[in-house]
Amino acid sequence: MKTVTKTHVGAYGVIIKDDKIALIKKSRGGYKGKLDLPGGGIEHDETPMDALKRELVE
């Protein structure tokens, strides 16, 4: 039997303005409705910084 290992790598940022931290509410998946830091998965051709910039726009 073959064992499959799955790894998810992401880039997340902490945005602080006026002593408040920006959070997002998850809209899908196992954590739907929960709060998280802004960010997400890194595409194969991206640096972590490029992924974070893209995720913040999305």
N, C-alpha and C. Protein backbone atom coordinates (compact mmCIF):
# COMPACT_ATOMS: atom_id res chain seq x y z
N MET A 1 0.84 -1.18 0.00
CA MET A 1 0.00 0.00 0.00
C MET A 1 0.89 1.25 0.00
N LYS A 2 0.56 2.20 -0.88
CA LYS A 2 1.35 3.43 -1.01
C LYS A 2 0.75 4.52 -0.12
N THR A 3 1.60 5.21 0.63
CA THR A 3 1.17 6.32 1.48
C THR A 3 1.37 7.62 0.71
N VAL A 4 0.34 8.46 0.69
CA VAL A 4 0.42 9.75 0.01
C VAL A 4 0.47 10.84 1.07
N THR A 5 1.46 11.71 0.95
CA THR A 5 1.59 12.85 1.86
C THR A 5 1.28 14.11 1.08
N LYS A 6 0.42 14.93 1.62
CA LYS A 6 0.04 16.18 0.97
C LYS A 6 0.48 17.34 1.85
N THR A 7 1.17 18.30 1.25
CA THR A 7 1.66 19.46 1.98
C THR A 7 1.09 20.73 1.34
N HIS A 8 0.62 21.64 2.17
CA HIS A 8 0.11 22.93 1.68
C HIS A 8 1.02 24.02 2.23
N VAL A 9 1.54 24.84 1.34
CA VAL A 9 2.41 25.94 1.74
C VAL A 9 1.69 27.24 1.42
N GLY A 10 1.66 28.16 2.38
CA GLY A 10 0.97 29.41 2.17
C GLY A 10 1.78 30.61 2.63
N ALA A 11 1.30 31.78 2.23
CA ALA A 11 1.91 33.04 2.64
C ALA A 11 0.81 33.90 3.26
N TYR A 12 1.00 34.32 4.49
CA TYR A 12 0.00 35.10 5.21
C TYR A 12 0.65 36.35 5.78
N GLY A 13 -0.12 37.40 5.92
CA GLY A 13 0.42 38.65 6.42
C GLY A 13 -0.37 39.19 7.60
N VAL A 14 0.29 39.98 8.40
CA VAL A 14 -0.36 40.67 9.52
C VAL A 14 -0.42 42.14 9.14
N ILE A 15 -1.65 42.66 9.03
CA ILE A 15 -1.85 44.06 8.67
C ILE A 15 -2.43 44.76 9.89
N ILE A 16 -1.69 45.77 10.38
CA ILE A 16 -2.13 46.51 11.56
C ILE A 16 -2.31 47.97 11.18
N LYS A 17 -3.47 48.50 11.51
CA LYS A 17 -3.76 49.91 11.25
C LYS A 17 -4.62 50.44 12.40
N ASP A 18 -4.23 51.58 12.95
CA ASP A 18 -4.96 52.18 14.07
C ASP A 18 -5.17 51.18 15.21
N ASP A 19 -4.12 50.41 15.53
CA ASP A 19 -4.14 49.40 16.60
C ASP A 19 -5.17 48.30 16.36
N LYS A 20 -5.56 48.07 15.10
CA LYS A 20 -6.49 46.99 14.76
C LYS A 20 -5.79 46.05 13.78
N ILE A 21 -6.08 44.75 13.90
CA ILE A 21 -5.51 43.75 13.02
C ILE A 21 -6.56 43.33 12.00
N ALA A 22 -6.17 43.33 10.71
CA ALA A 22 -7.08 42.92 9.64
C ALA A 22 -7.21 41.40 9.63
N LEU A 23 -8.45 40.91 9.62
CA LEU A 23 -8.74 39.49 9.52
C LEU A 23 -9.75 39.26 8.40
N ILE A 24 -9.76 38.05 7.87
CA ILE A 24 -10.76 37.69 6.86
C ILE A 24 -11.63 36.57 7.43
N LYS A 25 -12.84 36.44 6.91
CA LYS A 25 -13.71 35.35 7.31
C LYS A 25 -13.69 34.31 6.19
N LYS A 26 -13.32 33.07 6.53
CA LYS A 26 -13.25 32.00 5.55
C LYS A 26 -14.63 31.76 4.95
N SER A 27 -14.69 31.64 3.61
CA SER A 27 -15.98 31.48 2.93
C SER A 27 -16.25 30.05 2.49
N ARG A 28 -15.26 29.18 2.62
CA ARG A 28 -15.47 27.79 2.20
C ARG A 28 -14.50 26.86 2.91
N GLY A 29 -14.68 25.59 2.73
CA GLY A 29 -13.78 24.60 3.31
C GLY A 29 -14.14 24.27 4.75
N GLY A 30 -13.25 23.52 5.37
CA GLY A 30 -13.46 23.05 6.73
C GLY A 30 -13.49 24.14 7.79
N TYR A 31 -12.95 25.30 7.45
CA TYR A 31 -12.92 26.41 8.40
C TYR A 31 -13.89 27.53 8.01
N LYS A 32 -14.90 27.21 7.21
CA LYS A 32 -15.88 28.20 6.75
C LYS A 32 -16.47 28.94 7.96
N GLY A 33 -16.50 30.29 7.84
CA GLY A 33 -17.03 31.12 8.91
C GLY A 33 -16.03 31.50 9.98
N LYS A 34 -14.85 30.89 9.97
CA LYS A 34 -13.81 31.19 10.97
C LYS A 34 -12.96 32.36 10.49
N LEU A 35 -12.32 33.05 11.43
CA LEU A 35 -11.43 34.17 11.10
C LEU A 35 -10.02 33.67 10.84
N ASP A 36 -9.32 34.36 9.94
CA ASP A 36 -7.95 33.98 9.58
C ASP A 36 -7.19 35.24 9.17
N LEU A 37 -5.87 35.12 9.09
CA LEU A 37 -5.06 36.20 8.56
C LEU A 37 -5.23 36.25 7.05
N PRO A 38 -5.08 37.43 6.43
CA PRO A 38 -5.14 37.50 4.98
C PRO A 38 -3.95 36.77 4.36
N GLY A 39 -4.22 36.04 3.29
CA GLY A 39 -3.17 35.30 2.61
C GLY A 39 -3.74 34.05 1.98
N GLY A 40 -2.87 33.15 1.60
CA GLY A 40 -3.32 31.91 0.98
C GLY A 40 -2.18 31.14 0.37
N GLY A 41 -2.53 30.22 -0.52
CA GLY A 41 -1.56 29.31 -1.11
C GLY A 41 -0.60 29.98 -2.08
N ILE A 42 0.57 29.38 -2.19
CA ILE A 42 1.61 29.85 -3.10
C ILE A 42 1.54 29.00 -4.36
N GLU A 43 1.45 29.66 -5.52
CA GLU A 43 1.46 28.95 -6.80
C GLU A 43 2.88 28.48 -7.11
N HIS A 44 3.01 27.51 -8.03
CA HIS A 44 4.32 26.92 -8.33
C HIS A 44 5.35 27.94 -8.84
N ASP A 45 4.90 28.98 -9.53
CA ASP A 45 5.84 29.93 -10.12
C ASP A 45 5.99 31.22 -9.31
N GLU A 46 5.51 31.25 -8.07
CA GLU A 46 5.51 32.47 -7.26
C GLU A 46 6.50 32.41 -6.11
N THR A 47 6.98 33.58 -5.73
CA THR A 47 7.71 33.71 -4.47
C THR A 47 6.65 33.90 -3.38
N PRO A 48 6.99 33.68 -2.12
CA PRO A 48 6.02 33.92 -1.05
C PRO A 48 5.50 35.37 -1.05
N MET A 49 6.37 36.35 -1.33
CA MET A 49 5.94 37.75 -1.35
C MET A 49 4.97 38.02 -2.50
N ASP A 50 5.25 37.46 -3.67
CA ASP A 50 4.33 37.62 -4.81
C ASP A 50 2.98 36.97 -4.51
N ALA A 51 3.00 35.81 -3.86
CA ALA A 51 1.75 35.13 -3.51
C ALA A 51 0.94 35.98 -2.53
N LEU A 52 1.61 36.56 -1.55
CA LEU A 52 0.90 37.38 -0.57
C LEU A 52 0.29 38.60 -1.23
N LYS A 53 1.03 39.26 -2.10
CA LYS A 53 0.49 40.43 -2.82
C LYS A 53 -0.74 40.04 -3.63
N ARG A 54 -0.67 38.90 -4.34
CA ARG A 54 -1.81 38.43 -5.15
C ARG A 54 -3.01 38.12 -4.26
N GLU A 55 -2.76 37.44 -3.17
CA GLU A 55 -3.85 37.06 -2.26
C GLU A 55 -4.52 38.30 -1.64
N LEU A 56 -3.73 39.32 -1.33
CA LEU A 56 -4.32 40.54 -0.75
C LEU A 56 -5.23 41.24 -1.74
N VAL A 57 -4.88 41.19 -3.02
CA VAL A 57 -5.74 41.79 -4.06
C VAL A 57 -7.02 40.97 -4.21
N GLU A 58 -6.88 39.64 -4.19
CA GLU A 58 -8.03 38.75 -4.35
C GLU A 58 -8.97 38.90 -3.19
